[in-house]
Amino acid sequence: MNSKLRRIFVPMFSFVTLVALACTCGAFGQPQATATPLPPAATKPPVVVPTKPPIVAPTQPPVVLDTPVPTESEQFTGGVDDFSSDYGGWETFDGAAIEDGIFYVGPFSDCADVGSDNPFGCFTQCLVCGQLTDYDMQVDTAYVSGVTDRTFGMVLRFVDNDNNGLVDPGDYYLDFELSIYDKYFAVWEHLPNGGWTRVLDKFEGSIRPGAKVNTLRAVSGNGGTEMDIYVNDNYVDGLIGIPYPTGTVGFVVGGRAVQAAFDNFSITVP
């Protein structure tokens, strides 16, 4: 079995018009001063709305996650990763690789589509993050190539009971995926011996289409039993009653024939 990578002013131009005092002759030949006009109101610079830059290779040195995988006695404290280098903190393999400051996930030559009866493995896990319960996780992601209506996003929780890197019948899995083709997102859940369920399924206007960058965020709370989901800083939905409160996190593409890019990953834990 292949190990699965669940990774993919303008300064204000103030001006005053200087007006010279003018003198005109009155009816009796006496000079008559004219009033000096008020200067015009200063103009204000236009309001510039910042736009989200595309995912590009970073120019600053990375601030990486802790490199050792935490042991049971250690407490993972969170961190950020701009993927300037592959330091071994993520699963990487054929279909998941860090190149030029970007984590690319997909396409996969041999991978079942999400929701199928076959073992699902089109994802990569954060190795240094360890087993997480409550957390605040965020990443920038963008469509790169392949079938445009395929989905991609974040692994929210994976409990790999047989430790083979695939979602098998006995494993628990939860992810959040979006489609840039029709501005749609879904949350998929796999219950041990219970199959796949699309627990959330909704169109969302804040999703940016095409190859534009979308920022995904997931906040796990209440001991891992609840999850709030955001797209581009907009709350889109939430889950309660998650049956498995602890597991790994990562990146996912929803099938074989698509590639997505991931950058500027950050995660904090209480």
C-alpha atoms as a PDB file:
ATOM      1  CA  MET A   1       0.000   0.000   0.000  1.00  0.00           C
ATOM      2  CA  ASN A   2       1.349   3.414  -0.882  1.00  0.00           C
ATOM      3  CA  SER A   3       1.575   5.755   2.040  1.00  0.00           C
ATOM      4  CA  LYS A   4      -0.974   8.487   1.460  1.00  0.00           C
ATOM      5  CA  LEU A   5      -0.029  12.097   1.555  1.00  0.00           C
ATOM      6  CA  ARG A   6      -2.868  14.013   2.979  1.00  0.00           C
ATOM      7  CA  ARG A   7      -1.252  17.050   2.452  1.00  0.00           C
ATOM      8  CA  ILE A   8      -1.652  19.234  -0.734  1.00  0.00           C
ATOM      9  CA  PHE A   9      -0.995  56.222  -0.942  1.00  0.00           C
ATOM     10  CA  VAL A  10      -0.857  57.850  -3.038  1.00  0.00           C
ATOM     11  CA  PRO A  11      -0.132  60.729  -0.625  1.00  0.00           C
ATOM     12  CA  MET A  12      -3.007  63.099  -0.291  1.00  0.00           C
ATOM     13  CA  PHE A  13      -2.406  65.832  -2.757  1.00  0.00           C
ATOM     14  CA  SER A  14      -3.480  68.812  -0.751  1.00  0.00           C
ATOM     15  CA  PHE A  15      -3.418  72.000  -2.673  1.00  0.00           C
ATOM     16  CA  VAL A  16      -4.460  75.631  -2.049  1.00  0.00           C
ATOM     17  CA  THR A  17      -5.067  77.899  -4.955  1.00  0.00           C
ATOM     18  CA  LEU A  18      -3.292  81.160  -4.232  1.00  0.00           C
ATOM     19  CA  VAL A  19      -5.376  84.084  -5.409  1.00  0.00           C
ATOM     20  CA  ALA A  20      -3.753  87.533  -5.624  1.00  0.00           C
ATOM     21  CA  LEU A  21      -5.679  90.393  -4.245  1.00  0.00           C
ATOM     22  CA  ALA A  22      -7.187  92.216  -7.176  1.00  0.00           C
ATOM     23  CA  CYS A  23      -7.993  95.923  -7.231  1.00  0.00           C
ATOM     24  CA  THR A  24     -10.563  97.528  -9.465  1.00  0.00           C
ATOM     25  CA  CYS A  25     -11.519 101.117  -9.745  1.00  0.00           C
ATOM     26  CA  GLY A  26     -14.875 102.209  -8.349  1.00  0.00           C
ATOM     27  CA  ALA A  27     -17.243 104.750  -9.747  1.00  0.00           C
ATOM     28  CA  PHE A  28     -15.301 107.629  -8.125  1.00  0.00           C
ATOM     29  CA  GLY A  29     -11.860 106.384  -9.244  1.00  0.00           C
ATOM     30  CA  GLN A  30     -10.988 104.918  -5.799  1.00  0.00           C
ATOM     31  CA  PRO A  31      -9.401 101.440  -5.638  1.00  0.00           C
ATOM     32  CA  GLN A  32     -11.727  98.786  -4.275  1.00  0.00           C
ATOM     33  CA  ALA A  33     -10.363  95.500  -2.822  1.00  0.00           C
ATOM     34  CA  THR A  34     -12.072  92.268  -3.720  1.00  0.00           C
ATOM     35  CA  ALA A  35     -12.589  89.466  -1.164  1.00  0.00           C
ATOM     36  CA  THR A  36     -10.162  86.567  -1.230  1.00  0.00           C
ATOM     37  CA  PRO A  37     -12.046  83.351  -2.079  1.00  0.00           C
ATOM     38  CA  LEU A  38     -11.843  80.401   0.304  1.00  0.00           C
ATOM     39  CA  PRO A  39      -9.468  77.658  -0.763  1.00  0.00           C
ATOM     40  CA  PRO A  40     -11.121  74.535  -2.079  1.00  0.00           C
ATOM     41  CA  ALA A  41     -11.650  71.631   0.290  1.00  0.00           C
ATOM     42  CA  ALA A  42      -8.804  69.194   0.344  1.00  0.00           C
ATOM     43  CA  THR A  43      -9.484  66.111  -1.723  1.00  0.00           C
ATOM     44  CA  LYS A  44      -9.354  62.677  -0.142  1.00  0.00           C
ATOM     45  CA  PRO A  45      -7.515  59.733  -1.681  1.00  0.00           C
ATOM     46  CA  PRO A  46      -9.676  56.957  -3.097  1.00  0.00           C
ATOM     47  CA  VAL A  47     -10.463  54.026  -0.830  1.00  0.00           C
ATOM     48  CA  VAL A  48      -8.542  51.052  -2.118  1.00  0.00           C
ATOM     49  CA  VAL A  49      -9.961  47.653  -1.204  1.00  0.00           C
ATOM     50  CA  PRO A  50      -7.135  45.160  -0.806  1.00  0.00           C
ATOM     51  CA  THR A  51      -7.336  42.084  -2.971  1.00  0.00           C
ATOM     52  CA  LYS A  52      -6.183  38.598  -2.107  1.00  0.00           C
ATOM     53  CA  PRO A  53      -2.881  37.877  -3.821  1.00  0.00           C
ATOM     54  CA  PRO A  54      -2.530  34.603  -5.731  1.00  0.00           C
ATOM     55  CA  ILE A  55      -0.677  31.701  -4.237  1.00  0.00           C
ATOM     56  CA  VAL A  56       2.972  32.229  -5.115  1.00  0.00           C
ATOM     57  CA  ALA A  57       6.249  30.911  -3.876  1.00  0.00           C
ATOM     58  CA  PRO A  58       7.131  32.754  -0.659  1.00  0.00           C
ATOM     59  CA  THR A  59      10.116  35.072  -0.505  1.00  0.00           C
ATOM     60  CA  GLN A  60      10.521  35.120   3.270  1.00  0.00           C
ATOM     61  CA  PRO A  61      12.081  32.308   5.273  1.00  0.00           C
ATOM     62  CA  PRO A  62       9.467  29.923   6.645  1.00  0.00           C
ATOM     63  CA  VAL A  63       8.240  29.768  10.214  1.00  0.00           C
ATOM     64  CA  VAL A  64       7.636  26.074  10.361  1.00  0.00           C
ATOM     65  CA  LEU A  65       5.784  23.772  12.641  1.00  0.00           C
ATOM     66  CA  ASP A  66       7.709  21.824  15.226  1.00  0.00           C
ATOM     67  CA  THR A  67       9.615  19.226  13.257  1.00  0.00           C
ATOM     68  CA  PRO A  68       9.413  16.275  15.652  1.00  0.00           C
ATOM     69  CA  VAL A  69       6.174  14.360  15.761  1.00  0.00           C
ATOM     70  CA  PRO A  70       4.748  14.975  19.237  1.00  0.00           C
ATOM     71  CA  THR A  71       4.720  12.004  21.579  1.00  0.00           C
ATOM     72  CA  GLU A  72       1.879  11.233  23.945  1.00  0.00           C
ATOM     73  CA  SER A  73       3.675  13.119  26.709  1.00  0.00           C
ATOM     74  CA  GLU A  74       4.277  16.230  24.558  1.00  0.00           C
ATOM     75  CA  GLN A  75       1.812  19.020  23.858  1.00  0.00           C
ATOM     76  CA  PHE A  76       1.543  20.266  20.297  1.00  0.00           C
ATOM     77  CA  THR A  77       1.336  24.054  20.434  1.00  0.00           C
ATOM     78  CA  GLY A  78       0.473  24.835  16.801  1.00  0.00           C
ATOM     79  CA  GLY A  79       2.363  26.816  14.193  1.00  0.00           C
ATOM     80  CA  VAL A  80       2.435  27.971  10.580  1.00  0.00           C
ATOM     81  CA  ASP A  81       3.907  26.541   7.405  1.00  0.00           C
ATOM     82  CA  ASP A  82       4.448  28.409   4.111  1.00  0.00           C
ATOM     83  CA  PHE A  83       5.932  25.299   2.456  1.00  0.00           C
ATOM     84  CA  SER A  84       9.225  26.959   1.604  1.00  0.00           C
ATOM     85  CA  SER A  85      10.765  23.558   2.145  1.00  0.00           C
ATOM     86  CA  ASP A  86       9.767  19.964   2.679  1.00  0.00           C
ATOM     87  CA  TYR A  87      11.040  19.427   6.217  1.00  0.00           C
ATOM     88  CA  GLY A  88       9.242  16.131   6.734  1.00  0.00           C
ATOM     89  CA  GLY A  89       6.211  17.467   8.558  1.00  0.00           C
ATOM     90  CA  TRP A  90       3.703  16.145   5.998  1.00  0.00           C
ATOM     91  CA  GLU A  91       3.049  12.927   4.170  1.00  0.00           C
ATOM     92  CA  THR A  92       4.470  13.236   0.669  1.00  0.00           C
ATOM     93  CA  PHE A  93       4.220  10.663  -2.104  1.00  0.00           C
ATOM     94  CA  ASP A  94       3.157  10.307  -5.726  1.00  0.00           C
ATOM     95  CA  GLY A  95       0.279  12.789  -5.983  1.00  0.00           C
ATOM     96  CA  ALA A  96       1.288  14.918  -3.021  1.00  0.00           C
ATOM     97  CA  ALA A  97       4.425  17.024  -3.105  1.00  0.00           C
ATOM     98  CA  ILE A  98       5.908  20.340  -1.963  1.00  0.00           C
ATOM     99  CA  GLU A  99       7.430  22.311  -4.846  1.00  0.00           C
ATOM    100  CA  ASP A 100       8.511  25.975  -5.113  1.00  0.00           C
ATOM    101  CA  GLY A 101       6.803  26.954  -1.868  1.00  0.00           C
ATOM    102  CA  ILE A 102       3.471  25.284  -2.667  1.00  0.00           C
ATOM    103  CA  PHE A 103       1.942  22.014  -1.509  1.00  0.00           C
ATOM    104  CA  TYR A 104       0.339  20.306  -4.513  1.00  0.00           C
ATOM    105  CA  VAL A 105      -2.201  17.560  -3.894  1.00  0.00           C
ATOM    106  CA  GLY A 106      -3.314  15.448  -6.861  1.00  0.00           C
ATOM    107  CA  PRO A 107      -3.743  14.220  -9.427  1.00  0.00           C
ATOM    108  CA  PHE A 108      -3.609  10.621  -8.268  1.00  0.00           C
ATOM    109  CA  SER A 109      -3.141   7.716 -10.634  1.00  0.00           C
ATOM    110  CA  ASP A 110      -4.744   5.223  -8.286  1.00  0.00           C
ATOM    111  CA  CYS A 111      -7.213   6.638  -5.812  1.00  0.00           C
ATOM    112  CA  ALA A 112     -10.888   6.058  -5.135  1.00  0.00           C
ATOM    113  CA  ASP A 113     -13.254   9.026  -5.297  1.00  0.00           C
ATOM    114  CA  VAL A 114     -14.659  10.353  -2.036  1.00  0.00           C
ATOM    115  CA  GLY A 115     -17.855   8.573  -1.070  1.00  0.00           C
ATOM    116  CA  SER A 116     -17.098   5.393  -2.994  1.00  0.00           C
ATOM    117  CA  ASP A 117     -17.081   1.933  -1.495  1.00  0.00           C
ATOM    118  CA  ASN A 118     -13.373   1.526  -2.193  1.00  0.00           C
ATOM    119  CA  PRO A 119     -10.777   2.626   0.370  1.00  0.00           C
ATOM    120  CA  PHE A 120     -10.349   6.384   0.019  1.00  0.00           C
ATOM    121  CA  GLY A 121      -6.871   7.865   0.109  1.00  0.00           C
ATOM    122  CA  CYS A 122      -6.708  11.084  -1.958  1.00  0.00           C
ATOM    123  CA  PHE A 123      -5.413  13.106   0.964  1.00  0.00           C
ATOM    124  CA  THR A 124      -2.351  13.889   3.027  1.00  0.00           C
ATOM    125  CA  GLN A 125      -1.899  14.200   6.773  1.00  0.00           C
ATOM    126  CA  CYS A 126       0.022  16.709   8.856  1.00  0.00           C
ATOM    127  CA  LEU A 127       2.479  14.470  10.663  1.00  0.00           C
ATOM    128  CA  VAL A 128       3.807  17.058  13.121  1.00  0.00           C
ATOM    129  CA  CYS A 129       0.299  18.112  14.188  1.00  0.00           C
ATOM    130  CA  GLY A 130      -0.320  14.755  15.827  1.00  0.00           C
ATOM    131  CA  GLN A 131      -3.710  13.809  17.225  1.00  0.00           C
ATOM    132  CA  LEU A 132      -5.823  16.948  17.673  1.00  0.00           C
ATOM    133  CA  THR A 133      -9.100  17.637  19.445  1.00  0.00           C
ATOM    134  CA  ASP A 134      -9.821  21.385  19.681  1.00  0.00           C
ATOM    135  CA  TYR A 135      -8.034  23.578  17.152  1.00  0.00           C
ATOM    136  CA  ASP A 136      -8.296  26.554  14.768  1.00  0.00           C
ATOM    137  CA  MET A 137      -6.964  25.596  11.327  1.00  0.00           C
ATOM    138  CA  GLN A 138      -6.664  27.735   8.177  1.00  0.00           C
ATOM    139  CA  VAL A 139      -5.147  27.408   4.705  1.00  0.00           C
ATOM    140  CA  ASP A 140      -5.157  29.156   1.319  1.00  0.00           C
ATOM    141  CA  THR A 141      -6.087  26.873  -1.555  1.00  0.00           C
ATOM    142  CA  ALA A 142      -6.654  27.124  -5.301  1.00  0.00           C
ATOM    143  CA  TYR A 143      -7.642  24.925  -8.238  1.00  0.00           C
ATOM    144  CA  VAL A 144      -4.697  24.068 -10.477  1.00  0.00           C
ATOM    145  CA  SER A 145      -5.782  21.582 -13.131  1.00  0.00           C
ATOM    146  CA  GLY A 146      -8.038  18.664 -13.959  1.00  0.00           C
ATOM    147  CA  VAL A 147     -11.787  18.219 -13.839  1.00  0.00           C
ATOM    148  CA  THR A 148     -13.135  21.610 -12.757  1.00  0.00           C
ATOM    149  CA  ASP A 149     -16.179  20.374 -10.847  1.00  0.00           C
ATOM    150  CA  ARG A 150     -14.131  18.118  -8.578  1.00  0.00           C
ATOM    151  CA  THR A 151     -13.740  19.180  -4.956  1.00  0.00           C
ATOM    152  CA  PHE A 152     -10.755  19.866  -2.701  1.00  0.00           C
ATOM    153  CA  GLY A 153     -10.204  21.138   0.838  1.00  0.00           C
ATOM    154  CA  MET A 154      -9.187  20.141   4.351  1.00  0.00           C
ATOM    155  CA  VAL A 155      -9.198  16.912   6.320  1.00  0.00           C
ATOM    156  CA  LEU A 156     -10.882  17.850   9.582  1.00  0.00           C
ATOM    157  CA  ARG A 157     -10.426  14.551  11.408  1.00  0.00           C
ATOM    158  CA  PHE A 158      -9.056  11.139  10.520  1.00  0.00           C
ATOM    159  CA  VAL A 159      -8.982   8.158  12.861  1.00  0.00           C
ATOM    160  CA  ASP A 160      -6.877   5.506  11.133  1.00  0.00           C
ATOM    161  CA  ASN A 161      -7.675   2.444  13.180  1.00  0.00           C
ATOM    162  CA  ASP A 162      -5.670   0.084  10.972  1.00  0.00           C
ATOM    163  CA  ASN A 163      -2.839   2.602  10.454  1.00  0.00           C
ATOM    164  CA  ASN A 164      -2.569   2.184   6.685  1.00  0.00           C
ATOM    165  CA  GLY A 165      -3.243   5.754   5.545  1.00  0.00           C
ATOM    166  CA  LEU A 166      -6.546   4.925   3.813  1.00  0.00           C
ATOM    167  CA  VAL A 167     -10.158   5.405   4.850  1.00  0.00           C
ATOM    168  CA  ASP A 168     -11.132   1.781   5.268  1.00  0.00           C
ATOM    169  CA  PRO A 169     -14.437   0.350   6.539  1.00  0.00           C
ATOM    170  CA  GLY A 170     -13.294   0.498  10.169  1.00  0.00           C
ATOM    171  CA  ASP A 171     -12.000   4.093  10.114  1.00  0.00           C
ATOM    172  CA  TYR A 172     -13.535   7.476  10.966  1.00  0.00           C
ATOM    173  CA  TYR A 173     -13.024  10.397   8.579  1.00  0.00           C
ATOM    174  CA  LEU A 174     -14.388  13.956   8.272  1.00  0.00           C
ATOM    175  CA  ASP A 175     -13.473  16.530   5.648  1.00  0.00           C
ATOM    176  CA  PHE A 176     -14.545  19.889   4.166  1.00  0.00           C
ATOM    177  CA  GLU A 177     -14.388  20.245   0.372  1.00  0.00           C
ATOM    178  CA  LEU A 178     -15.408  22.981  -2.071  1.00  0.00           C
ATOM    179  CA  SER A 179     -16.053  23.129  -5.800  1.00  0.00           C
ATOM    180  CA  ILE A 180     -14.984  26.280  -7.655  1.00  0.00           C
ATOM    181  CA  TYR A 181     -17.075  25.214 -10.677  1.00  0.00           C
ATOM    182  CA  ASP A 182     -20.488  25.820  -9.114  1.00  0.00           C
ATOM    183  CA  LYS A 183     -19.555  27.559  -5.810  1.00  0.00           C
ATOM    184  CA  TYR A 184     -20.541  24.587  -3.752  1.00  0.00           C
ATOM    185  CA  PHE A 185     -19.174  22.911  -0.630  1.00  0.00           C
ATOM    186  CA  ALA A 186     -19.761  19.670   1.184  1.00  0.00           C
ATOM    187  CA  VAL A 187     -18.692  18.008   4.410  1.00  0.00           C
ATOM    188  CA  TRP A 188     -18.174  14.263   4.068  1.00  0.00           C
ATOM    189  CA  GLU A 189     -18.164  11.871   7.004  1.00  0.00           C
ATOM    190  CA  HIS A 190     -17.200   8.227   7.072  1.00  0.00           C
ATOM    191  CA  LEU A 191     -18.335   6.205  10.068  1.00  0.00           C
ATOM    192  CA  PRO A 192     -16.669   2.915  11.004  1.00  0.00           C
ATOM    193  CA  ASN A 193     -18.707   0.140   9.432  1.00  0.00           C
ATOM    194  CA  GLY A 194     -21.311   2.703   8.419  1.00  0.00           C
ATOM    195  CA  GLY A 195     -20.190   4.038   5.057  1.00  0.00           C
ATOM    196  CA  TRP A 196     -20.146   7.588   3.721  1.00  0.00           C
ATOM    197  CA  THR A 197     -22.562  10.436   4.493  1.00  0.00           C
ATOM    198  CA  ARG A 198     -22.611  13.968   3.093  1.00  0.00           C
ATOM    199  CA  VAL A 199     -23.510  15.701   6.346  1.00  0.00           C
ATOM    200  CA  LEU A 200     -23.438  19.223   4.867  1.00  0.00           C
ATOM    201  CA  ASP A 201     -24.185  20.120   1.272  1.00  0.00           C
ATOM    202  CA  LYS A 202     -24.695  23.724   0.197  1.00  0.00           C
ATOM    203  CA  PHE A 203     -24.077  26.393  -2.442  1.00  0.00           C
ATOM    204  CA  GLU A 204     -21.988  29.288  -1.121  1.00  0.00           C
ATOM    205  CA  GLY A 205     -21.663  32.616  -2.937  1.00  0.00           C
ATOM    206  CA  SER A 206     -18.436  33.619  -1.187  1.00  0.00           C
ATOM    207  CA  ILE A 207     -16.472  30.862  -2.943  1.00  0.00           C
ATOM    208  CA  ARG A 208     -14.178  32.405  -5.558  1.00  0.00           C
ATOM    209  CA  PRO A 209     -14.345  30.658  -8.947  1.00  0.00           C
ATOM    210  CA  GLY A 210     -11.658  29.474 -11.307  1.00  0.00           C
ATOM    211  CA  ALA A 211      -8.071  29.511 -10.142  1.00  0.00           C
ATOM    212  CA  LYS A 212      -8.654  32.245  -7.555  1.00  0.00           C
ATOM    213  CA  VAL A 213      -7.472  31.712  -3.996  1.00  0.00           C
ATOM    214  CA  ASN A 214     -10.001  30.618  -1.392  1.00  0.00           C
ATOM    215  CA  THR A 215      -9.160  30.719   2.320  1.00  0.00           C
ATOM    216  CA  LEU A 216     -10.627  27.826   4.281  1.00  0.00           C
ATOM    217  CA  ARG A 217     -10.903  27.757   8.051  1.00  0.00           C
ATOM    218  CA  ALA A 218     -12.201  25.163  10.493  1.00  0.00           C
ATOM    219  CA  VAL A 219     -12.578  25.621  14.243  1.00  0.00           C
ATOM    220  CA  SER A 220     -13.014  22.495  16.342  1.00  0.00           C
ATOM    221  CA  GLY A 221     -14.390  23.048  19.843  1.00  0.00           C
ATOM    222  CA  ASN A 222     -16.278  21.645  22.795  1.00  0.00           C
ATOM    223  CA  GLY A 223     -13.862  18.794  23.215  1.00  0.00           C
ATOM    224  CA  GLY A 224     -13.782  18.040  19.509  1.00  0.00           C
ATOM    225  CA  THR A 225     -17.505  17.391  19.222  1.00  0.00           C
ATOM    226  CA  GLU A 226     -18.332  20.601  17.309  1.00  0.00           C
ATOM    227  CA  MET A 227     -16.898  22.180  14.168  1.00  0.00           C
ATOM    228  CA  ASP A 228     -17.439  25.650  12.644  1.00  0.00           C
ATOM    229  CA  ILE A 229     -16.532  26.156   8.989  1.00  0.00           C
ATOM    230  CA  TYR A 230     -15.547  29.360   7.173  1.00  0.00           C
ATOM    231  CA  VAL A 231     -14.841  30.324   3.563  1.00  0.00           C
ATOM    232  CA  ASN A 232     -12.992  33.592   2.889  1.00  0.00           C
ATOM    233  CA  ASP A 233     -13.737  34.819   6.430  1.00  0.00           C
ATOM    234  CA  ASN A 234     -17.446  34.016   6.093  1.00  0.00           C
ATOM    235  CA  TYR A 235     -19.054  31.529   8.464  1.00  0.00           C
ATOM    236  CA  VAL A 236     -20.875  29.029   6.261  1.00  0.00           C
ATOM    237  CA  ASP A 237     -22.073  26.270   8.591  1.00  0.00           C
ATOM    238  CA  GLY A 238     -21.285  24.107  11.590  1.00  0.00           C
ATOM    239  CA  LEU A 239     -21.472  20.589  12.962  1.00  0.00           C
ATOM    240  CA  ILE A 240     -22.413  19.265  16.384  1.00  0.00           C
ATOM    241  CA  GLY A 241     -22.246  15.809  17.880  1.00  0.00           C
ATOM    242  CA  ILE A 242     -19.093  14.652  16.092  1.00  0.00           C
ATOM    243  CA  PRO A 243     -18.681  11.100  17.398  1.00  0.00           C
ATOM    244  CA  TYR A 244     -14.877  10.862  17.251  1.00  0.00           C
ATOM    245  CA  PRO A 245     -13.359  13.913  18.970  1.00  0.00           C
ATOM    246  CA  THR A 246      -9.659  13.326  18.237  1.00  0.00           C
ATOM    247  CA  GLY A 247      -7.692  12.610  15.074  1.00  0.00           C
ATOM    248  CA  THR A 248      -5.265  13.901  12.468  1.00  0.00           C
ATOM    249  CA  VAL A 249      -5.764  16.785  10.003  1.00  0.00           C
ATOM    250  CA  GLY A 250      -4.563  17.462   6.459  1.00  0.00           C
ATOM    251  CA  PHE A 251      -5.464  18.343   2.854  1.00  0.00           C
ATOM    252  CA  VAL A 252      -7.702  16.488   0.404  1.00  0.00           C
ATOM    253  CA  VAL A 253      -8.845  16.339  -3.196  1.00  0.00           C
ATOM    254  CA  GLY A 254     -12.191  14.641  -3.761  1.00  0.00           C
ATOM    255  CA  GLY A 255     -11.051  12.345  -6.548  1.00  0.00           C
ATOM    256  CA  ARG A 256      -8.308  11.270  -8.889  1.00  0.00           C
ATOM    257  CA  ALA A 257      -8.624  13.729 -11.776  1.00  0.00           C
ATOM    258  CA  VAL A 258      -7.904  17.082 -10.099  1.00  0.00           C
ATOM    259  CA  GLN A 259      -4.933  18.962  -8.665  1.00  0.00           C
ATOM    260  CA  ALA A 260      -5.133  21.683  -6.004  1.00  0.00           C
ATOM    261  CA  ALA A 261      -2.517  23.960  -4.433  1.00  0.00           C
ATOM    262  CA  PHE A 262      -2.214  24.747  -0.730  1.00  0.00           C
ATOM    263  CA  ASP A 263      -0.224  27.491   1.006  1.00  0.00           C
ATOM    264  CA  ASN A 264      -0.013  29.568   4.192  1.00  0.00           C
ATOM    265  CA  PHE A 265      -1.188  26.820   6.510  1.00  0.00           C
ATOM    266  CA  SER A 266      -1.699  27.768  10.154  1.00  0.00           C
ATOM    267  CA  ILE A 267      -3.093  25.965  13.144  1.00  0.00           C
ATOM    268  CA  THR A 268      -3.489  26.840  16.800  1.00  0.00           C
ATOM    269  CA  VAL A 269      -4.539  24.674  19.703  1.00  0.00           C
ATOM    270  CA  PRO A 270      -5.800  25.770  23.130  1.00  0.00           C
END
